[in-house]
């Protein structure tokens, strides 16, 4: 699902890079950054320029 999102985003017109932020929260157990495969996908699309900024922020 995550990769299909990035593929669709890459096809968008206008092609603007995506800023992608994951919020760190004690209430969320299934965060994207906890899955190795998801992190590989995010890294791939960051290298391709689809994702401009990627960060993990704290919920406060």
C-alpha atoms as a PDB file:
ATOM      1  CA  UNK A   1       0.000   0.000   0.000  1.00  0.00           C
ATOM      2  CA  UNK A   2       2.775   2.446   0.858  1.00  0.00           C
ATOM      3  CA  UNK A   3       4.648   1.791  -2.362  1.00  0.00           C
ATOM      4  CA  UNK A   4       1.500   2.200  -4.481  1.00  0.00           C
ATOM      5  CA  UNK A   5       0.967   5.586  -2.787  1.00  0.00           C
ATOM      6  CA  UNK A   6       4.482   6.715  -3.759  1.00  0.00           C
ATOM      7  CA  UNK A   7       4.066   5.399  -7.319  1.00  0.00           C
ATOM      8  CA  UNK A   8       0.834   7.384  -7.708  1.00  0.00           C
ATOM      9  CA  UNK A   9       2.443  10.472  -6.151  1.00  0.00           C
ATOM     10  CA  UNK A  10       5.346  10.195  -8.608  1.00  0.00           C
ATOM     11  CA  UNK A  11       2.878  10.236 -11.541  1.00  0.00           C
ATOM     12  CA  UNK A  12       1.106  13.398 -10.321  1.00  0.00           C
ATOM     13  CA  UNK A  13       1.075  16.593 -12.297  1.00  0.00           C
ATOM     14  CA  UNK A  14       2.515  18.918 -11.165  1.00  0.00           C
ATOM     15  CA  UNK A  15       5.319  16.750  -9.870  1.00  0.00           C
ATOM     16  CA  UNK A  16       6.131  18.295  -6.530  1.00  0.00           C
ATOM     17  CA  UNK A  17       8.153  16.362  -3.964  1.00  0.00           C
ATOM     18  CA  UNK A  18       6.411  15.178  -0.833  1.00  0.00           C
ATOM     19  CA  UNK A  19       7.343  16.091   2.731  1.00  0.00           C
ATOM     20  CA  UNK A  20       6.710  12.989   4.808  1.00  0.00           C
ATOM     21  CA  UNK A  21       6.489  13.202   8.606  1.00  0.00           C
ATOM     22  CA  UNK A  22       5.774  10.332  10.990  1.00  0.00           C
ATOM     23  CA  UNK A  23       4.531  11.421  14.403  1.00  0.00           C
ATOM     24  CA  UNK A  24       5.988   9.421  17.295  1.00  0.00           C
ATOM     25  CA  UNK A  25       3.236   8.613  19.768  1.00  0.00           C
ATOM     26  CA  UNK A  26       2.934   6.085  22.569  1.00  0.00           C
ATOM     27  CA  UNK A  27      -0.636   5.430  21.383  1.00  0.00           C
ATOM     28  CA  UNK A  28       0.363   4.204  17.926  1.00  0.00           C
ATOM     29  CA  UNK A  29       1.818   0.703  17.866  1.00  0.00           C
ATOM     30  CA  UNK A  30       1.974   0.137  14.093  1.00  0.00           C
ATOM     31  CA  UNK A  31       3.975   3.124  12.904  1.00  0.00           C
ATOM     32  CA  UNK A  32       5.474   3.055   9.422  1.00  0.00           C
ATOM     33  CA  UNK A  33       9.013   3.526  10.719  1.00  0.00           C
ATOM     34  CA  UNK A  34       8.811   0.348  12.828  1.00  0.00           C
ATOM     35  CA  UNK A  35       8.544  -1.808   9.694  1.00  0.00           C
ATOM     36  CA  UNK A  36      11.853  -2.483   7.898  1.00  0.00           C
ATOM     37  CA  UNK A  37      10.181  -2.948   4.508  1.00  0.00           C
ATOM     38  CA  UNK A  38       8.377   0.395   4.809  1.00  0.00           C
ATOM     39  CA  UNK A  39      11.631   2.143   5.673  1.00  0.00           C
ATOM     40  CA  UNK A  40      13.282   0.635   2.574  1.00  0.00           C
ATOM     41  CA  UNK A  41      10.408   1.944   0.435  1.00  0.00           C
ATOM     42  CA  UNK A  42      10.665   5.414   1.993  1.00  0.00           C
ATOM     43  CA  UNK A  43      14.442   5.413   1.452  1.00  0.00           C
ATOM     44  CA  UNK A  44      14.037   4.372  -2.199  1.00  0.00           C
ATOM     45  CA  UNK A  45      11.557   7.145  -2.974  1.00  0.00           C
ATOM     46  CA  UNK A  46      13.660   9.684  -1.088  1.00  0.00           C
ATOM     47  CA  UNK A  47      16.621   8.804  -3.324  1.00  0.00           C
ATOM     48  CA  UNK A  48      14.367   9.113  -6.398  1.00  0.00           C
ATOM     49  CA  UNK A  49      13.335  12.609  -5.308  1.00  0.00           C
ATOM     50  CA  UNK A  50       9.663  11.743  -4.746  1.00  0.00           C
ATOM     51  CA  UNK A  51      10.085  12.387  -1.014  1.00  0.00           C
ATOM     52  CA  UNK A  52      11.858  15.687  -0.380  1.00  0.00           C
ATOM     53  CA  UNK A  53      11.870  15.657   3.415  1.00  0.00           C
ATOM     54  CA  UNK A  54      11.415  12.695   5.726  1.00  0.00           C
ATOM     55  CA  UNK A  55      11.387  13.009   9.476  1.00  0.00           C
ATOM     56  CA  UNK A  56      10.041  11.387  12.590  1.00  0.00           C
ATOM     57  CA  UNK A  57       8.599  13.964  14.962  1.00  0.00           C
ATOM     58  CA  UNK A  58       7.416  13.827  18.547  1.00  0.00           C
ATOM     59  CA  UNK A  59       3.769  14.273  19.411  1.00  0.00           C
ATOM     60  CA  UNK A  60       3.495  17.099  21.876  1.00  0.00           C
END
